[in-house]
Structures are given as structure tokens and as C-alpha cells.
Protein backbone atom coordinates (compact mmCIF):
# COMPACT_ATOMS: atom_id res chain seq x y z
CA MET A 1 90.59 6.97 71.67
CA PRO A 2 92.69 5.03 74.23
CA GLY A 3 94.88 7.07 76.57
CA ALA A 4 98.12 5.92 74.94
CA ALA A 5 96.94 7.08 71.52
CA ARG A 6 95.85 10.42 72.99
CA ASP A 7 99.36 10.81 74.41
CA VAL A 8 100.79 10.31 70.92
CA VAL A 9 98.40 12.90 69.47
CA ASP A 10 99.53 15.35 72.15
CA LEU A 11 103.19 14.72 71.33
CA ILE A 12 102.67 15.20 67.59
CA GLU A 13 100.57 18.33 68.02
CA GLY A 14 103.44 19.80 70.04
CA ILE A 15 105.97 19.41 67.20
CA GLU A 16 106.55 22.65 65.30
CA PRO A 17 107.05 21.89 61.57
CA VAL A 18 110.33 23.24 60.20
CA ASP A 19 109.34 23.08 56.54
CA GLU A 20 106.50 22.15 54.19
CA LEU A 21 107.34 18.45 54.22
CA ALA A 22 107.33 18.43 58.04
CA ALA A 23 103.88 20.01 58.00
CA GLU A 24 102.68 17.34 55.54
CA HIS A 25 104.06 14.53 57.72
CA ARG A 26 102.47 16.03 60.83
CA SER A 27 99.09 16.30 59.11
CA ALA A 28 99.33 12.75 57.74
CA ALA A 29 100.21 11.35 61.18
CA LEU A 30 97.32 13.14 62.87
CA GLN A 31 94.90 11.92 60.19
CA TRP A 32 96.18 8.37 60.70
CA LEU A 33 95.67 8.61 64.45
CA ALA A 34 92.18 10.03 64.00
CA GLY A 35 91.19 7.00 61.92
CA THR A 36 92.64 4.09 63.93
CA ASN A 37 93.53 2.84 67.39
CA ASP A 38 95.83 0.18 65.88
CA ILE A 39 99.14 2.04 66.04
CA TYR A 40 101.61 -0.47 67.52
CA ARG A 41 103.48 -3.19 65.65
CA ARG A 42 102.21 -6.63 66.66
CA VAL A 43 103.83 -8.91 64.09
CA LYS A 44 107.29 -8.32 62.60
CA PRO A 45 108.09 -6.67 60.34
CA ARG A 46 104.97 -4.92 59.02
CA THR A 47 101.71 -5.60 60.89
CA PRO A 48 99.98 -3.23 61.07
CA SER A 49 101.25 -0.62 58.63
CA PRO A 50 101.70 2.20 59.51
CA HIS A 51 103.00 1.75 63.04
CA LEU A 52 104.83 3.85 65.59
CA VAL A 53 108.62 4.17 66.01
CA ALA A 54 110.73 6.21 68.45
CA TYR A 55 114.08 7.47 67.18
CA PHE A 56 116.60 9.14 69.48
CA LEU A 57 119.68 11.16 68.66
CA LEU A 58 122.46 11.32 71.23
CA VAL A 59 123.67 14.90 71.02
CA ASP A 60 126.99 16.21 72.32
CA ARG A 61 126.47 19.96 72.07
CA ASP A 62 129.98 20.82 73.29
CA ALA A 63 131.55 18.68 70.55
CA ASN A 64 128.87 19.62 67.98
CA ARG A 65 128.19 15.97 67.12
CA VAL A 66 125.39 13.42 67.00
CA LEU A 67 125.63 9.65 67.32
CA LEU A 68 124.47 7.42 64.46
CA CYS A 69 124.48 3.65 64.06
CA ASP A 70 125.48 1.66 60.98
CA HIS A 71 122.31 -0.45 60.90
CA ARG A 72 122.76 -4.04 59.72
CA LEU A 73 119.29 -4.65 58.28
CA SER A 74 118.89 -1.42 56.32
CA SER A 75 122.58 -0.79 55.49
CA LEU A 76 121.98 2.83 56.44
CA TRP A 77 123.43 5.17 59.04
CA LEU A 78 120.46 5.83 61.35
CA PRO A 79 119.65 7.28 64.74
CA THR A 80 119.19 4.60 67.34
CA GLY A 81 115.62 3.71 68.27
CA GLY A 82 112.94 1.09 67.92
CA HIS A 83 109.28 0.23 67.68
CA VAL A 84 106.92 1.45 70.37
CA GLU A 85 105.42 -1.48 72.26
CA PRO A 86 101.62 -1.73 72.66
CA GLY A 87 100.46 0.79 75.25
CA GLU A 88 103.99 2.15 75.78
CA HIS A 89 104.62 5.88 75.91
CA PRO A 90 107.19 6.78 73.22
CA ALA A 91 109.44 8.45 75.80
CA ASP A 92 109.50 5.15 77.68
CA THR A 93 110.45 3.43 74.41
CA VAL A 94 113.47 5.74 74.29
CA ARG A 95 114.37 4.93 77.91
CA ARG A 96 114.15 1.20 77.17
CA GLU A 97 115.87 1.19 73.79
CA VAL A 98 118.88 3.29 74.78
CA VAL A 99 119.75 0.73 77.45
CA GLU A 100 119.20 -2.18 75.06
CA GLU A 101 121.04 -0.67 72.10
CA LEU A 102 123.81 1.43 73.67
CA GLY A 103 124.06 0.26 77.29
CA VAL A 104 123.47 3.70 78.85
CA GLU A 105 120.62 5.38 80.70
CA ALA A 106 118.49 7.99 78.97
CA GLU A 107 119.20 11.63 79.77
CA PHE A 108 116.90 13.81 77.69
CA ASP A 109 118.36 16.89 76.05
CA THR A 110 117.68 20.01 78.12
CA ALA A 111 116.36 21.89 75.08
CA THR A 112 113.63 19.36 74.30
CA GLY A 113 112.97 17.36 77.45
CA ALA A 114 111.10 14.08 77.02
CA ARG A 115 109.18 15.28 73.96
CA PRO A 116 109.91 14.70 70.26
CA PHE A 117 111.35 17.58 68.25
CA PHE A 118 110.72 16.08 64.79
CA LEU A 119 108.39 13.67 63.01
CA THR A 120 108.67 11.61 59.83
CA VAL A 121 106.24 9.38 57.96
CA THR A 122 108.28 7.17 55.64
CA GLU A 123 108.23 3.88 53.78
CA THR A 124 110.88 1.38 54.82
CA VAL A 125 113.33 -0.37 52.52
CA GLY A 126 112.94 -4.01 51.42
CA GLY A 127 110.66 -6.16 49.30
CA PRO A 128 106.86 -5.97 49.16
CA ASP A 129 106.52 -8.60 51.89
CA VAL A 130 108.41 -6.49 54.43
CA ARG A 131 108.02 -2.90 53.23
CA HIS A 132 105.75 -0.75 55.40
CA THR A 133 105.26 2.76 56.71
CA ASP A 134 106.84 3.98 59.93
CA VAL A 135 105.53 7.00 61.81
CA SER A 136 108.70 8.03 63.64
CA LEU A 137 108.94 10.41 66.58
CA TRP A 138 112.45 11.86 66.98
CA PHE A 139 113.78 12.55 70.49
CA ALA A 140 117.09 14.07 71.61
CA LEU A 141 119.28 12.70 74.40
CA ALA A 142 122.27 14.35 76.01
CA GLY A 143 125.46 12.48 75.20
CA ARG A 144 129.22 12.78 75.38
CA THR A 145 131.66 11.63 72.75
CA ASP A 146 133.94 10.30 75.50
CA HIS A 147 131.24 8.24 77.21
CA ARG A 148 131.64 4.47 77.09
CA LEU A 149 128.92 2.85 74.95
CA THR A 150 128.21 -0.83 74.42
CA PRO A 151 126.39 -0.98 71.06
CA ASP A 152 124.27 -4.02 70.28
CA ASP A 153 126.32 -5.80 67.59
CA ARG A 154 123.25 -7.83 66.59
CA GLU A 155 121.70 -4.57 65.34
CA PHE A 156 124.69 -2.50 64.26
CA PHE A 157 127.96 -2.87 62.43
CA GLY A 158 129.12 0.01 64.61
CA VAL A 159 128.35 3.52 65.83
CA ARG A 160 130.02 6.85 65.15
CA TRP A 161 129.78 10.48 66.21
CA TRP A 162 129.18 12.84 63.26
CA SER A 163 129.36 16.62 62.92
CA PRO A 164 126.83 18.44 60.69
CA SER A 165 129.60 19.39 58.26
CA GLU A 166 130.67 15.73 57.94
CA LEU A 167 127.10 14.70 57.28
CA ARG A 168 126.56 17.34 54.61
CA ALA A 169 129.72 16.14 52.85
CA ALA A 170 128.76 12.46 53.00
CA ASP A 171 126.90 10.27 50.52
CA LEU A 172 123.31 10.93 51.61
CA THR A 173 122.05 7.69 50.09
CA ARG A 174 123.76 5.86 52.98
CA PHE A 175 121.88 7.82 55.65
CA GLU A 176 118.42 8.18 57.12
CA PRO A 177 116.84 10.29 54.38
CA HIS A 178 115.49 12.99 56.69
CA LEU A 179 118.54 13.27 58.94
CA LEU A 180 119.74 16.72 57.85
CA ARG A 181 116.19 18.03 58.10
CA ALA A 182 116.06 16.67 61.65
CA LEU A 183 119.28 18.48 62.52
CA HIS A 184 117.72 21.65 61.17
CA ALA A 185 114.84 21.09 63.61
CA LEU A 186 117.39 20.62 66.42
CA PRO A 187 120.43 22.61 65.28
CA LEU A 188 123.68 21.87 67.04
CA THR A 189 125.19 25.13 65.83
CA ALA A 190 124.13 28.02 63.63
CA GLY A 191 125.77 26.15 60.73
CA ALA A 192 123.46 23.14 60.91
CA GLN A 193 121.32 23.44 57.81
CA ALA A 194 118.64 21.26 56.26
CA ALA A 195 119.12 19.39 53.01
CA PRO A 196 117.05 20.68 50.10
CA SER A 197 113.89 18.62 49.55
CA SER A 198 115.24 17.42 46.20
CA ALA A 199 118.25 15.90 47.99
CA VAL A 200 116.18 13.74 50.32
CA PRO A 201 116.16 10.04 49.28
CA SER A 202 112.87 8.15 49.48
CA ALA A 203 113.61 4.94 51.38
CA ARG A 204 114.87 3.94 54.81
CA ARG A 205 114.73 0.93 57.13
């Protein structure tokens, strides 16, 4: 197994599942990695499928909020992030993408460091010619609600800081389907709770 793929295995093995679905996704991702070295997207949007994605949540712990983007292509509120380039370490994907998408430098959350805290294996939205499976590693970055951001308007309609209570009250069909579960894996406060499995929609970007 190439060194880059071994790095991804190490990252995934270090993620502690927060629920049964998280354990299933972790097992599926490790089985996928054990059976292939072809883990990076080469041809947009879906070759190969699955392929590796790095999400990152900007977290303002003092304000008890996370930053989400209103993503143009999927019409969903998502964490920022992007596809891992061939041979790229996922933490370096985060460092690259946060500059490209928000115009700021990456500062990893002190609680997690430069390691993912959550993992999802999900099918994207769209027709059969574009639909594929993303194996997404979720990272946390330190952020401030008063920091100046320059979101990429080619990717996003806009960005917004959300509290866990606002997210739980929102229409979940407009959000990354595993978002509340991710907040449960990285709680901002004691009140940050996961959505029940039955409330998790099935499609995302």
C-alpha cells in the first residue's frame, strides 16, 4: 500500500465511532482501503467512486457556533472542504482548501489537532452520470465569528455561522445529512446532541 494510503488508514483507525452508523462507516472505509490503492478523484465528478474528501468545520467555541456554506451545486448547507488530490495528505487538503474557499489560513482546533474527528461514507446527490460515493474525513479548525472571510462565490451562495440549537430547529433536508451527528462527535457545548438515525437524510453533494 502506498504511503499516502497508509496515512489515510492511520487517520481512519484513529477516529472513535460515536454511534453504530459511525462504526459501520469506519469499517466500510477500512475495507475499501484494504481493497484498492485508487482512492483519489482523477476525473470530475465521479472517477473513481468511491474517492476521498476532506471536510472542515470552522468552530468558534466561545460563540458556540460552526461555519457552514450554502453550496451552489448541491443546494445544501455543508461544511467547507474538497477532494483530496492524488498523493496529498488530507490535512494538507484542509490547509489548501480553507485558503481557496474562505481566504484564511488553517488553524486546527486544539481539541483535535490535524486529525479528523469524524468519518462519513455517503452517496452524493445528482443523476446516475454524476452520482458517486464520497469517503469524507471531517476536521475541525479554530474560527471566530468576527473574523473577515472571503468566501468563494463560484462555490457558495454564502456562508453563515450556526449554533447547535439553530441547526436542530432547521429543516434538516437542506443540510449535510450527518451534520448533527458530527457535532455530537465534536460537541461545542453539553447541549450539542446527535440527530436520531431515522432523521438523517440519505443524499448529499
